[in-house]
Amino acid sequence: MKEAVILIPSYEPSETLLQTIEGVLKEDFPVLLVNDGSSPRFEPIFSKAASLPRVTYHSYPTNHGKGYALKYGFSLISELYPSARFVITVDGDGQHALSDILKMYDFLEKKDELVFGVRSFPKGTPWKSRVGNNLSKINRSLLTKQYIADDQCGLRGFPVRYLPSLMKTKGTRYEYEMNQLIRCQMMQYPVYSLPIQTIYADAENSTSHFRPVRDTLKIQGIILWHSIPALFTNALLMFLLITFMERDMAPLWLDTFLAYTSCFFLYFLLLSIFYPSQRFYRRLGKELLFTAIRLAACYQLLSLFISVLHLPVIPFVVLSVILSAYLNVLLSWAFRKVYRAY
């Protein structure tokens, strides 16, 4: 039997669930199936699944959401599978190909670190999957300075040593998976991305229980919540730049340097408090590099807008800080191309 447990959270599934389970069983994986409070009319499907060999079935009467089901499953792993090294989360609606599950298992054995499946979203991808993902990956990359092209894919691999942290992560529905990724990145865990196939049952992705408006707003709310330290320090940065420049007591380059340096130390302190990490020097080096590039970009923008074009100070300081901040997205994309995990 393989050393990875396949964890499948399921809510009111189709017969595709059985096909998914039968496929991974043929590859000698144990399966932990969690029924997230489905209505009684789906009991025949779950009964068939529970009767299969090497399938452990758990359920509860009330629907709580995918995040709750995942954390419920994580809490059972150490007791039910004490020798397991990895957990691979798989959706039961057929969106994850068996070949990709096997590829993820091989990758986990090789790297022994977090692995997140990444879909390509070609033409014809359901709009509710494409729009929400594009919005979240930009805002999350801006925050975490770590780019992943698809941050909502349910095919993910975890070494079991990360399960205590994953169980503490807040969220009960689809926003949990975003919170999970952000916390892993902000805590500086090594995160790998693995290209996988993009599979949908139909053009509307009708088998998904994802609510486009409500769940997208929840996901963006999670990103906004984690962004509070960054928003605070960027507001302070704007205030310092405006104050220094209006008083005109030093050259522009010195004003910019002093403002960015002050805010860098404050933000790094907040990161260390809210997201403690054992990879201190790695975090320090990355934050210094990103801040130095932002500082240089902001200085060039301020020189153009204010020193050359003589535009108003306040609105163009705000614009310069915002534009330089969005460099985080481009820089994190470039880093991902060079380093597969960071």
C-alpha atoms as a PDB file:
ATOM      1  CA  MET A   1       0.000   0.000   0.000  1.00  0.00           C
ATOM      2  CA  LYS A   2       1.273   3.465  -0.900  1.00  0.00           C
ATOM      3  CA  GLU A   3       2.372   5.870   1.825  1.00  0.00           C
ATOM      4  CA  ALA A   4      -0.107   8.605   0.829  1.00  0.00           C
ATOM      5  CA  VAL A   5      -3.731   8.750   1.964  1.00  0.00           C
ATOM      6  CA  ILE A   6      -6.235  10.049  -0.588  1.00  0.00           C
ATOM      7  CA  LEU A   7      -8.600  12.395   1.273  1.00  0.00           C
ATOM      8  CA  ILE A   8     -11.867  13.065  -0.587  1.00  0.00           C
ATOM      9  CA  PRO A   9     -14.338  15.580   0.872  1.00  0.00           C
ATOM     10  CA  SER A  10     -17.709  15.060  -0.784  1.00  0.00           C
ATOM     11  CA  TYR A  11     -21.083  16.780  -0.777  1.00  0.00           C
ATOM     12  CA  GLU A  12     -24.014  15.342  -2.742  1.00  0.00           C
ATOM     13  CA  PRO A  13     -21.835  13.598  -5.352  1.00  0.00           C
ATOM     14  CA  SER A  14     -22.633  11.902  -8.643  1.00  0.00           C
ATOM     15  CA  GLU A  15     -21.566   8.407  -9.661  1.00  0.00           C
ATOM     16  CA  THR A  16     -18.261  10.007 -10.710  1.00  0.00           C
ATOM     17  CA  LEU A  17     -17.196   9.758  -7.069  1.00  0.00           C
ATOM     18  CA  LEU A  18     -17.171   5.974  -7.337  1.00  0.00           C
ATOM     19  CA  GLN A  19     -15.079   6.109 -10.511  1.00  0.00           C
ATOM     20  CA  THR A  20     -12.552   8.394  -8.795  1.00  0.00           C
ATOM     21  CA  ILE A  21     -12.275   6.087  -5.780  1.00  0.00           C
ATOM     22  CA  GLU A  22     -12.005   2.917  -7.872  1.00  0.00           C
ATOM     23  CA  GLY A  23      -9.218   4.517  -9.903  1.00  0.00           C
ATOM     24  CA  VAL A  24      -7.018   5.370  -6.903  1.00  0.00           C
ATOM     25  CA  LEU A  25      -7.736   2.006  -5.264  1.00  0.00           C
ATOM     26  CA  LYS A  26      -6.321   0.242  -8.326  1.00  0.00           C
ATOM     27  CA  GLU A  27      -3.074   2.144  -7.680  1.00  0.00           C
ATOM     28  CA  ASP A  28      -2.967   0.815  -4.095  1.00  0.00           C
ATOM     29  CA  PHE A  29      -3.844   4.067  -2.296  1.00  0.00           C
ATOM     30  CA  PRO A  30      -5.908   4.017   0.915  1.00  0.00           C
ATOM     31  CA  VAL A  31      -8.905   6.363   0.742  1.00  0.00           C
ATOM     32  CA  LEU A  32     -10.499   8.485   3.468  1.00  0.00           C
ATOM     33  CA  LEU A  33     -13.939   9.639   2.311  1.00  0.00           C
ATOM     34  CA  VAL A  34     -15.726  12.409   4.249  1.00  0.00           C
ATOM     35  CA  ASN A  35     -19.429  12.976   3.618  1.00  0.00           C
ATOM     36  CA  ASP A  36     -20.001  16.674   4.305  1.00  0.00           C
ATOM     37  CA  GLY A  37     -23.628  16.404   5.409  1.00  0.00           C
ATOM     38  CA  SER A  38     -25.169  15.277   2.124  1.00  0.00           C
ATOM     39  CA  SER A  39     -28.937  14.653   2.023  1.00  0.00           C
ATOM     40  CA  PRO A  40     -30.174  11.052   2.538  1.00  0.00           C
ATOM     41  CA  ARG A  41     -30.907  10.516  -1.170  1.00  0.00           C
ATOM     42  CA  PHE A  42     -27.134  10.309  -1.799  1.00  0.00           C
ATOM     43  CA  GLU A  43     -26.700   7.504   0.730  1.00  0.00           C
ATOM     44  CA  PRO A  44     -26.640   4.761  -1.960  1.00  0.00           C
ATOM     45  CA  ILE A  45     -23.545   6.310  -3.557  1.00  0.00           C
ATOM     46  CA  PHE A  46     -21.775   6.634  -0.212  1.00  0.00           C
ATOM     47  CA  SER A  47     -22.759   3.083   0.778  1.00  0.00           C
ATOM     48  CA  LYS A  48     -21.218   1.718  -2.417  1.00  0.00           C
ATOM     49  CA  ALA A  49     -18.051   3.739  -1.801  1.00  0.00           C
ATOM     50  CA  ALA A  50     -17.808   2.648   1.848  1.00  0.00           C
ATOM     51  CA  SER A  51     -18.071  -1.015   0.855  1.00  0.00           C
ATOM     52  CA  LEU A  52     -14.968  -0.842  -1.315  1.00  0.00           C
ATOM     53  CA  PRO A  53     -11.692  -2.230   0.108  1.00  0.00           C
ATOM     54  CA  ARG A  54      -9.264   0.217   1.775  1.00  0.00           C
ATOM     55  CA  VAL A  55     -11.956   2.926   1.952  1.00  0.00           C
ATOM     56  CA  THR A  56     -12.574   4.502   5.356  1.00  0.00           C
ATOM     57  CA  TYR A  57     -15.869   6.387   5.454  1.00  0.00           C
ATOM     58  CA  HIS A  58     -16.876   9.165   7.846  1.00  0.00           C
ATOM     59  CA  SER A  59     -19.907  11.423   7.819  1.00  0.00           C
ATOM     60  CA  TYR A  60     -21.809  13.961   9.902  1.00  0.00           C
ATOM     61  CA  PRO A  61     -25.432  15.098   9.552  1.00  0.00           C
ATOM     62  CA  THR A  62     -25.018  18.814   8.739  1.00  0.00           C
ATOM     63  CA  ASN A  63     -23.286  20.392   5.768  1.00  0.00           C
ATOM     64  CA  HIS A  64     -20.424  22.620   6.994  1.00  0.00           C
ATOM     65  CA  GLY A  65     -18.436  23.182   3.803  1.00  0.00           C
ATOM     66  CA  LYS A  66     -15.382  21.828   2.037  1.00  0.00           C
ATOM     67  CA  GLY A  67     -12.903  23.462   4.407  1.00  0.00           C
ATOM     68  CA  TYR A  68     -14.567  21.855   7.417  1.00  0.00           C
ATOM     69  CA  ALA A  69     -14.561  18.453   5.685  1.00  0.00           C
ATOM     70  CA  LEU A  70     -10.859  18.759   4.858  1.00  0.00           C
ATOM     71  CA  LYS A  71      -9.915  19.675   8.419  1.00  0.00           C
ATOM     72  CA  TYR A  72     -12.133  16.883   9.749  1.00  0.00           C
ATOM     73  CA  GLY A  73     -10.267  14.454   7.520  1.00  0.00           C
ATOM     74  CA  PHE A  74      -6.851  15.841   8.541  1.00  0.00           C
ATOM     75  CA  SER A  75      -7.757  15.281  12.188  1.00  0.00           C
ATOM     76  CA  LEU A  76      -8.304  11.556  11.536  1.00  0.00           C
ATOM     77  CA  ILE A  77      -5.129  10.822   9.571  1.00  0.00           C
ATOM     78  CA  SER A  78      -2.679  10.216  12.422  1.00  0.00           C
ATOM     79  CA  GLU A  79      -5.118   7.864  14.194  1.00  0.00           C
ATOM     80  CA  LEU A  80      -6.323   5.923  11.174  1.00  0.00           C
ATOM     81  CA  TYR A  81      -3.082   5.870   9.170  1.00  0.00           C
ATOM     82  CA  PRO A  82      -0.150   6.138  11.613  1.00  0.00           C
ATOM     83  CA  SER A  83       2.387   5.052   8.983  1.00  0.00           C
ATOM     84  CA  ALA A  84       1.227   7.501   6.300  1.00  0.00           C
ATOM     85  CA  ARG A  85       3.799  10.059   5.114  1.00  0.00           C
ATOM     86  CA  PHE A  86       1.556  12.170   2.891  1.00  0.00           C
ATOM     87  CA  VAL A  87      -2.033  13.263   2.352  1.00  0.00           C
ATOM     88  CA  ILE A  88      -3.336  14.050  -1.127  1.00  0.00           C
ATOM     89  CA  THR A  89      -6.643  15.911  -1.281  1.00  0.00           C
ATOM     90  CA  VAL A  90      -8.759  14.999  -4.303  1.00  0.00           C
ATOM     91  CA  ASP A  91     -12.147  16.272  -5.476  1.00  0.00           C
ATOM     92  CA  GLY A  92     -14.656  13.519  -6.110  1.00  0.00           C
ATOM     93  CA  ASP A  93     -16.271  15.103  -9.174  1.00  0.00           C
ATOM     94  CA  GLY A  94     -13.793  13.782 -11.736  1.00  0.00           C
ATOM     95  CA  GLN A  95     -11.820  17.024 -12.141  1.00  0.00           C
ATOM     96  CA  HIS A  96      -8.562  15.352 -11.114  1.00  0.00           C
ATOM     97  CA  ALA A  97      -7.084  12.772 -13.461  1.00  0.00           C
ATOM     98  CA  LEU A  98      -5.593   9.614 -11.981  1.00  0.00           C
ATOM     99  CA  SER A  99      -2.361  10.284 -13.888  1.00  0.00           C
ATOM    100  CA  ASP A 100      -2.068  13.656 -12.113  1.00  0.00           C
ATOM    101  CA  ILE A 101      -2.682  12.073  -8.712  1.00  0.00           C
ATOM    102  CA  LEU A 102       0.127   9.603  -9.419  1.00  0.00           C
ATOM    103  CA  LYS A 103       2.362  12.420 -10.632  1.00  0.00           C
ATOM    104  CA  MET A 104       1.687  14.308  -7.405  1.00  0.00           C
ATOM    105  CA  TYR A 105       2.534  11.247  -5.325  1.00  0.00           C
ATOM    106  CA  ASP A 106       5.842  10.809  -7.156  1.00  0.00           C
ATOM    107  CA  PHE A 107       6.592  14.495  -6.619  1.00  0.00           C
ATOM    108  CA  LEU A 108       5.833  14.229  -2.901  1.00  0.00           C
ATOM    109  CA  GLU A 109       8.177  11.248  -2.548  1.00  0.00           C
ATOM    110  CA  LYS A 110      10.903  13.188  -4.317  1.00  0.00           C
ATOM    111  CA  LYS A 111      10.555  16.581  -2.578  1.00  0.00           C
ATOM    112  CA  ASP A 112       8.746  15.798   0.691  1.00  0.00           C
ATOM    113  CA  GLU A 113       7.233  19.293   0.680  1.00  0.00           C
ATOM    114  CA  LEU A 114       3.907  21.002  -0.067  1.00  0.00           C
ATOM    115  CA  VAL A 115       2.667  20.523  -3.641  1.00  0.00           C
ATOM    116  CA  PHE A 116      -0.265  22.393  -5.188  1.00  0.00           C
ATOM    117  CA  GLY A 117      -1.870  21.359  -8.467  1.00  0.00           C
ATOM    118  CA  VAL A 118      -2.005  24.079 -11.130  1.00  0.00           C
ATOM    119  CA  ARG A 119      -4.477  24.065 -14.035  1.00  0.00           C
ATOM    120  CA  SER A 120      -3.907  25.967 -17.284  1.00  0.00           C
ATOM    121  CA  PHE A 121      -7.429  27.456 -17.871  1.00  0.00           C
ATOM    122  CA  PRO A 122      -7.562  27.183 -21.670  1.00  0.00           C
ATOM    123  CA  LYS A 123     -10.282  28.685 -23.849  1.00  0.00           C
ATOM    124  CA  GLY A 124     -13.627  27.157 -22.892  1.00  0.00           C
ATOM    125  CA  THR A 125     -12.912  27.064 -19.156  1.00  0.00           C
ATOM    126  CA  PRO A 126     -16.100  27.834 -17.157  1.00  0.00           C
ATOM    127  CA  TRP A 127     -16.237  31.561 -16.434  1.00  0.00           C
ATOM    128  CA  LYS A 128     -16.829  31.120 -12.701  1.00  0.00           C
ATOM    129  CA  SER A 129     -13.543  29.207 -12.428  1.00  0.00           C
ATOM    130  CA  ARG A 130     -11.505  31.534 -14.633  1.00  0.00           C
ATOM    131  CA  VAL A 131     -12.627  34.961 -13.318  1.00  0.00           C
ATOM    132  CA  GLY A 132     -12.381  34.144  -9.629  1.00  0.00           C
ATOM    133  CA  ASN A 133      -8.988  32.501 -10.016  1.00  0.00           C
ATOM    134  CA  ASN A 134      -7.470  35.376 -12.005  1.00  0.00           C
ATOM    135  CA  LEU A 135      -8.646  37.905  -9.430  1.00  0.00           C
ATOM    136  CA  SER A 136      -7.374  35.944  -6.452  1.00  0.00           C
ATOM    137  CA  LYS A 137      -3.969  35.037  -7.877  1.00  0.00           C
ATOM    138  CA  ILE A 138      -3.133  38.699  -8.580  1.00  0.00           C
ATOM    139  CA  ASN A 139      -4.205  39.930  -5.145  1.00  0.00           C
ATOM    140  CA  ARG A 140      -2.600  36.982  -3.349  1.00  0.00           C
ATOM    141  CA  SER A 141       0.691  37.387  -5.237  1.00  0.00           C
ATOM    142  CA  LEU A 142       0.661  41.086  -4.336  1.00  0.00           C
ATOM    143  CA  LEU A 143       0.407  40.089  -0.674  1.00  0.00           C
ATOM    144  CA  THR A 144       2.608  36.997  -0.402  1.00  0.00           C
ATOM    145  CA  LYS A 145       5.189  37.857  -3.097  1.00  0.00           C
ATOM    146  CA  GLN A 146       4.849  34.246  -4.249  1.00  0.00           C
ATOM    147  CA  TYR A 147       3.203  33.502  -7.574  1.00  0.00           C
ATOM    148  CA  ILE A 148       1.092  30.437  -8.298  1.00  0.00           C
ATOM    149  CA  ALA A 149      -0.945  30.456 -11.502  1.00  0.00           C
ATOM    150  CA  ASP A 150      -3.861  28.559  -9.936  1.00  0.00           C
ATOM    151  CA  ASP A 151      -4.564  29.020  -6.246  1.00  0.00           C
ATOM    152  CA  GLN A 152      -7.973  27.320  -6.060  1.00  0.00           C
ATOM    153  CA  CYS A 153      -7.212  23.824  -7.322  1.00  0.00           C
ATOM    154  CA  GLY A 154      -8.332  21.081  -4.933  1.00  0.00           C
ATOM    155  CA  LEU A 155      -5.567  18.624  -5.880  1.00  0.00           C
ATOM    156  CA  ARG A 156      -2.943  19.251  -3.214  1.00  0.00           C
ATOM    157  CA  GLY A 157      -0.269  17.175  -1.510  1.00  0.00           C
ATOM    158  CA  PHE A 158       0.902  17.557   2.086  1.00  0.00           C
ATOM    159  CA  PRO A 159       3.560  15.799   4.158  1.00  0.00           C
ATOM    160  CA  VAL A 160       1.816  14.779   7.394  1.00  0.00           C
ATOM    161  CA  ARG A 161       4.095  17.020   9.497  1.00  0.00           C
ATOM    162  CA  TYR A 162       2.126  20.024   8.174  1.00  0.00           C
ATOM    163  CA  LEU A 163      -1.274  18.702   9.277  1.00  0.00           C
ATOM    164  CA  PRO A 164      -1.309  20.374  12.752  1.00  0.00           C
ATOM    165  CA  SER A 165      -0.800  23.765  11.086  1.00  0.00           C
ATOM    166  CA  LEU A 166      -3.429  23.034   8.425  1.00  0.00           C
ATOM    167  CA  MET A 167      -5.993  22.077  11.076  1.00  0.00           C
ATOM    168  CA  LYS A 168      -5.474  25.430  12.841  1.00  0.00           C
ATOM    169  CA  THR A 169      -6.119  27.375   9.639  1.00  0.00           C
ATOM    170  CA  LYS A 170      -9.473  29.164   9.723  1.00  0.00           C
ATOM    171  CA  GLY A 171     -12.290  28.682   7.230  1.00  0.00           C
ATOM    172  CA  THR A 172     -15.021  26.124   6.671  1.00  0.00           C
ATOM    173  CA  ARG A 173     -15.942  26.490   2.991  1.00  0.00           C
ATOM    174  CA  TYR A 174     -14.025  27.203  -0.217  1.00  0.00           C
ATOM    175  CA  GLU A 175     -12.217  30.155   1.385  1.00  0.00           C
ATOM    176  CA  TYR A 176     -10.347  27.653   3.582  1.00  0.00           C
ATOM    177  CA  GLU A 177      -8.190  26.518   0.655  1.00  0.00           C
ATOM    178  CA  MET A 178      -7.124  30.115  -0.033  1.00  0.00           C
ATOM    179  CA  ASN A 179      -6.426  30.702   3.651  1.00  0.00           C
ATOM    180  CA  GLN A 180      -4.429  27.482   3.680  1.00  0.00           C
ATOM    181  CA  LEU A 181      -2.230  28.575   0.762  1.00  0.00           C
ATOM    182  CA  ILE A 182      -1.699  32.108   2.074  1.00  0.00           C
ATOM    183  CA  ARG A 183      -0.673  30.886   5.516  1.00  0.00           C
ATOM    184  CA  CYS A 184       1.746  28.355   4.027  1.00  0.00           C
ATOM    185  CA  GLN A 185       3.331  31.075   1.894  1.00  0.00           C
ATOM    186  CA  MET A 186       3.398  33.707   4.633  1.00  0.00           C
ATOM    187  CA  MET A 187       4.968  31.191   7.039  1.00  0.00           C
ATOM    188  CA  GLN A 188       7.659  30.625   4.382  1.00  0.00           C
ATOM    189  CA  TYR A 189       6.937  26.932   3.908  1.00  0.00           C
ATOM    190  CA  PRO A 190       8.436  25.630   0.644  1.00  0.00           C
ATOM    191  CA  VAL A 191       5.526  25.479  -1.811  1.00  0.00           C
ATOM    192  CA  TYR A 192       5.815  23.683  -5.142  1.00  0.00           C
ATOM    193  CA  SER A 193       3.348  23.913  -8.015  1.00  0.00           C
ATOM    194  CA  LEU A 194       2.640  20.964 -10.295  1.00  0.00           C
ATOM    195  CA  PRO A 195       0.959  21.427 -13.719  1.00  0.00           C
ATOM    196  CA  ILE A 196      -2.093  19.196 -14.086  1.00  0.00           C
ATOM    197  CA  GLN A 197      -4.869  18.678 -16.608  1.00  0.00           C
ATOM    198  CA  THR A 198      -7.893  20.991 -16.686  1.00  0.00           C
ATOM    199  CA  ILE A 199     -11.030  18.850 -16.573  1.00  0.00           C
ATOM    200  CA  TYR A 200     -14.636  20.008 -16.279  1.00  0.00           C
ATOM    201  CA  ALA A 201     -17.843  17.987 -16.675  1.00  0.00           C
ATOM    202  CA  ASP A 202     -19.388  20.681 -18.875  1.00  0.00           C
ATOM    203  CA  ALA A 203     -19.027  24.337 -19.895  1.00  0.00           C
ATOM    204  CA  GLU A 204     -20.765  25.518 -16.713  1.00  0.00           C
ATOM    205  CA  ASN A 205     -18.893  23.199 -14.348  1.00  0.00           C
ATOM    206  CA  SER A 206     -22.293  22.071 -13.071  1.00  0.00           C
ATOM    207  CA  THR A 207     -20.882  19.396 -10.739  1.00  0.00           C
ATOM    208  CA  SER A 208     -19.179  22.056  -8.603  1.00  0.00           C
ATOM    209  CA  HIS A 209     -20.899  23.483  -5.511  1.00  0.00           C
ATOM    210  CA  PHE A 210     -18.803  26.650  -5.746  1.00  0.00           C
ATOM    211  CA  ARG A 211     -20.982  29.779  -5.414  1.00  0.00           C
ATOM    212  CA  PRO A 212     -19.416  32.327  -7.793  1.00  0.00           C
ATOM    213  CA  VAL A 213     -20.412  35.533  -5.988  1.00  0.00           C
ATOM    214  CA  ARG A 214     -20.553  34.504  -2.339  1.00  0.00           C
ATOM    215  CA  ASP A 215     -17.485  32.256  -2.321  1.00  0.00           C
ATOM    216  CA  THR A 216     -15.428  34.694  -4.434  1.00  0.00           C
ATOM    217  CA  LEU A 217     -16.226  37.476  -1.949  1.00  0.00           C
ATOM    218  CA  LYS A 218     -15.224  35.205   0.932  1.00  0.00           C
ATOM    219  CA  ILE A 219     -11.944  34.352  -0.796  1.00  0.00           C
ATOM    220  CA  GLN A 220     -11.166  38.019  -1.445  1.00  0.00           C
ATOM    221  CA  GLY A 221     -12.069  38.768   2.173  1.00  0.00           C
ATOM    222  CA  ILE A 222      -9.461  36.238   3.325  1.00  0.00           C
ATOM    223  CA  ILE A 223      -6.824  37.951   1.172  1.00  0.00           C
ATOM    224  CA  LEU A 224      -7.873  41.359   2.526  1.00  0.00           C
ATOM    225  CA  TRP A 225      -7.665  40.103   6.117  1.00  0.00           C
ATOM    226  CA  HIS A 226      -4.118  38.872   5.644  1.00  0.00           C
ATOM    227  CA  SER A 227      -3.266  42.181   3.927  1.00  0.00           C
ATOM    228  CA  ILE A 228      -3.943  44.343   6.999  1.00  0.00           C
ATOM    229  CA  PRO A 229      -0.246  44.641   8.039  1.00  0.00           C
ATOM    230  CA  ALA A 230       0.742  45.490   4.448  1.00  0.00           C
ATOM    231  CA  LEU A 231      -2.101  48.016   4.044  1.00  0.00           C
ATOM    232  CA  PHE A 232      -1.164  49.679   7.316  1.00  0.00           C
ATOM    233  CA  THR A 233       2.517  50.009   6.469  1.00  0.00           C
ATOM    234  CA  ASN A 234       1.740  51.250   2.937  1.00  0.00           C
ATOM    235  CA  ALA A 235      -0.581  53.909   4.377  1.00  0.00           C
ATOM    236  CA  LEU A 236       2.226  54.927   6.738  1.00  0.00           C
ATOM    237  CA  LEU A 237       4.638  54.972   3.799  1.00  0.00           C
ATOM    238  CA  MET A 238       2.388  57.383   1.893  1.00  0.00           C
ATOM    239  CA  PHE A 239       2.061  59.608   4.954  1.00  0.00           C
ATOM    240  CA  LEU A 240       5.834  59.727   5.505  1.00  0.00           C
ATOM    241  CA  LEU A 241       6.578  60.463   1.851  1.00  0.00           C
ATOM    242  CA  ILE A 242       4.004  63.258   1.716  1.00  0.00           C
ATOM    243  CA  THR A 243       5.256  64.743   4.999  1.00  0.00           C
ATOM    244  CA  PHE A 244       8.930  64.614   3.990  1.00  0.00           C
ATOM    245  CA  MET A 245       8.312  66.028   0.524  1.00  0.00           C
ATOM    246  CA  GLU A 246       6.055  68.874   1.659  1.00  0.00           C
ATOM    247  CA  ARG A 247       8.618  69.962   4.237  1.00  0.00           C
ATOM    248  CA  ASP A 248      11.321  69.808   1.533  1.00  0.00           C
ATOM    249  CA  MET A 249      14.112  69.238   4.068  1.00  0.00           C
ATOM    250  CA  ALA A 250      16.104  66.658   2.089  1.00  0.00           C
ATOM    251  CA  PRO A 251      16.656  65.457  -1.478  1.00  0.00           C
ATOM    252  CA  LEU A 252      13.909  63.284  -2.950  1.00  0.00           C
ATOM    253  CA  TRP A 253      16.095  60.177  -2.937  1.00  0.00           C
ATOM    254  CA  LEU A 254      16.736  60.564   0.798  1.00  0.00           C
ATOM    255  CA  ASP A 255      13.046  61.154   1.562  1.00  0.00           C
ATOM    256  CA  THR A 256      12.174  57.987  -0.332  1.00  0.00           C
ATOM    257  CA  PHE A 257      14.940  55.960   1.312  1.00  0.00           C
ATOM    258  CA  LEU A 258      14.020  57.029   4.857  1.00  0.00           C
ATOM    259  CA  ALA A 259      10.301  56.394   4.332  1.00  0.00           C
ATOM    260  CA  TYR A 260      10.810  52.935   2.818  1.00  0.00           C
ATOM    261  CA  THR A 261      13.420  51.923   5.390  1.00  0.00           C
ATOM    262  CA  SER A 262      11.175  52.868   8.317  1.00  0.00           C
ATOM    263  CA  CYS A 263       8.215  50.997   6.868  1.00  0.00           C
ATOM    264  CA  PHE A 264      10.333  47.971   5.973  1.00  0.00           C
ATOM    265  CA  PHE A 265      11.381  47.394   9.589  1.00  0.00           C
ATOM    266  CA  LEU A 266       7.824  47.864  10.834  1.00  0.00           C
ATOM    267  CA  TYR A 267       6.369  45.459   8.253  1.00  0.00           C
ATOM    268  CA  PHE A 268       9.064  42.861   8.900  1.00  0.00           C
ATOM    269  CA  LEU A 269       8.300  43.062  12.624  1.00  0.00           C
ATOM    270  CA  LEU A 270       4.581  42.540  11.966  1.00  0.00           C
ATOM    271  CA  LEU A 271       5.335  39.562   9.697  1.00  0.00           C
ATOM    272  CA  SER A 272       7.509  37.984  12.377  1.00  0.00           C
ATOM    273  CA  ILE A 273       4.751  38.409  14.969  1.00  0.00           C
ATOM    274  CA  PHE A 274       1.768  37.207  12.948  1.00  0.00           C
ATOM    275  CA  TYR A 275       3.546  34.660  10.726  1.00  0.00           C
ATOM    276  CA  PRO A 276       6.522  33.293  12.678  1.00  0.00           C
ATOM    277  CA  SER A 277       8.880  31.309  10.491  1.00  0.00           C
ATOM    278  CA  GLN A 278      12.000  29.249  11.020  1.00  0.00           C
ATOM    279  CA  ARG A 279      13.293  30.520   7.664  1.00  0.00           C
ATOM    280  CA  PHE A 280      14.204  33.928   9.108  1.00  0.00           C
ATOM    281  CA  TYR A 281      17.133  34.796   6.843  1.00  0.00           C
ATOM    282  CA  ARG A 282      15.326  33.646   3.734  1.00  0.00           C
ATOM    283  CA  ARG A 283      12.363  35.886   4.578  1.00  0.00           C
ATOM    284  CA  LEU A 284      14.704  38.765   5.405  1.00  0.00           C
ATOM    285  CA  GLY A 285      16.571  38.436   2.118  1.00  0.00           C
ATOM    286  CA  LYS A 286      13.408  38.256   0.033  1.00  0.00           C
ATOM    287  CA  GLU A 287      11.750  41.204   1.776  1.00  0.00           C
ATOM    288  CA  LEU A 288      14.914  43.290   1.415  1.00  0.00           C
ATOM    289  CA  LEU A 289      15.129  42.518  -2.298  1.00  0.00           C
ATOM    290  CA  PHE A 290      11.474  43.292  -3.009  1.00  0.00           C
ATOM    291  CA  THR A 291      11.628  46.477  -0.925  1.00  0.00           C
ATOM    292  CA  ALA A 292      14.787  47.690  -2.677  1.00  0.00           C
ATOM    293  CA  ILE A 293      13.183  47.211  -6.103  1.00  0.00           C
ATOM    294  CA  ARG A 294       9.979  48.928  -4.982  1.00  0.00           C
ATOM    295  CA  LEU A 295      12.008  51.793  -3.517  1.00  0.00           C
ATOM    296  CA  ALA A 296      13.890  52.320  -6.778  1.00  0.00           C
ATOM    297  CA  ALA A 297      10.679  52.159  -8.823  1.00  0.00           C
ATOM    298  CA  CYS A 298       8.834  54.547  -6.521  1.00  0.00           C
ATOM    299  CA  TYR A 299      11.716  57.016  -6.596  1.00  0.00           C
ATOM    300  CA  GLN A 300      11.731  57.008 -10.411  1.00  0.00           C
ATOM    301  CA  LEU A 301       7.976  57.530 -10.523  1.00  0.00           C
ATOM    302  CA  LEU A 302       8.106  60.366  -7.995  1.00  0.00           C
ATOM    303  CA  SER A 303      10.940  61.989  -9.916  1.00  0.00           C
ATOM    304  CA  LEU A 304       8.863  61.864 -13.097  1.00  0.00           C
ATOM    305  CA  PHE A 305       5.527  62.945 -11.646  1.00  0.00           C
ATOM    306  CA  ILE A 306       6.661  65.612  -9.222  1.00  0.00           C
ATOM    307  CA  SER A 307      10.213  66.764  -9.964  1.00  0.00           C
ATOM    308  CA  VAL A 308       9.905  66.729 -13.784  1.00  0.00           C
ATOM    309  CA  LEU A 309       6.197  67.182 -14.495  1.00  0.00           C
ATOM    310  CA  HIS A 310       5.525  69.221 -11.306  1.00  0.00           C
ATOM    311  CA  LEU A 311       2.279  67.401 -10.590  1.00  0.00           C
ATOM    312  CA  PRO A 312       0.516  67.619  -7.178  1.00  0.00           C
ATOM    313  CA  VAL A 313       2.347  65.799  -4.396  1.00  0.00           C
ATOM    314  CA  ILE A 314      -0.416  63.928  -2.541  1.00  0.00           C
ATOM    315  CA  PRO A 315      -2.272  62.094  -5.369  1.00  0.00           C
ATOM    316  CA  PHE A 316       0.914  61.170  -7.193  1.00  0.00           C
ATOM    317  CA  VAL A 317       2.660  59.906  -4.074  1.00  0.00           C
ATOM    318  CA  VAL A 318      -0.331  57.615  -3.571  1.00  0.00           C
ATOM    319  CA  LEU A 319      -0.226  56.537  -7.234  1.00  0.00           C
ATOM    320  CA  SER A 320       3.533  55.914  -7.147  1.00  0.00           C
ATOM    321  CA  VAL A 321       3.313  53.747  -4.018  1.00  0.00           C
ATOM    322  CA  ILE A 322       0.446  51.697  -5.487  1.00  0.00           C
ATOM    323  CA  LEU A 323       2.164  51.189  -8.847  1.00  0.00           C
ATOM    324  CA  SER A 324       5.434  50.184  -7.207  1.00  0.00           C
ATOM    325  CA  ALA A 325       3.554  47.767  -4.918  1.00  0.00           C
ATOM    326  CA  TYR A 326       2.110  45.946  -7.917  1.00  0.00           C
ATOM    327  CA  LEU A 327       5.670  45.131  -8.908  1.00  0.00           C
ATOM    328  CA  ASN A 328       5.306  42.359  -6.313  1.00  0.00           C
ATOM    329  CA  VAL A 329       3.104  40.457  -8.753  1.00  0.00           C
ATOM    330  CA  LEU A 330       5.604  40.715 -11.612  1.00  0.00           C
ATOM    331  CA  LEU A 331       8.580  39.929  -9.390  1.00  0.00           C
ATOM    332  CA  SER A 332       6.886  36.929  -7.781  1.00  0.00           C
ATOM    333  CA  TRP A 333       6.033  35.599 -11.263  1.00  0.00           C
ATOM    334  CA  ALA A 334       9.693  35.989 -12.296  1.00  0.00           C
ATOM    335  CA  PHE A 335      10.887  34.217  -9.140  1.00  0.00           C
ATOM    336  CA  ARG A 336       8.513  31.317  -9.809  1.00  0.00           C
ATOM    337  CA  LYS A 337      10.030  30.908 -13.268  1.00  0.00           C
ATOM    338  CA  VAL A 338      13.522  30.693 -11.775  1.00  0.00           C
ATOM    339  CA  TYR A 339      12.739  28.721  -8.603  1.00  0.00           C
ATOM    340  CA  ARG A 340      10.024  26.063  -8.685  1.00  0.00           C
ATOM    341  CA  ALA A 341       9.439  26.564  -4.964  1.00  0.00           C
ATOM    342  CA  TYR A 342      10.198  29.434  -2.626  1.00  0.00           C
END
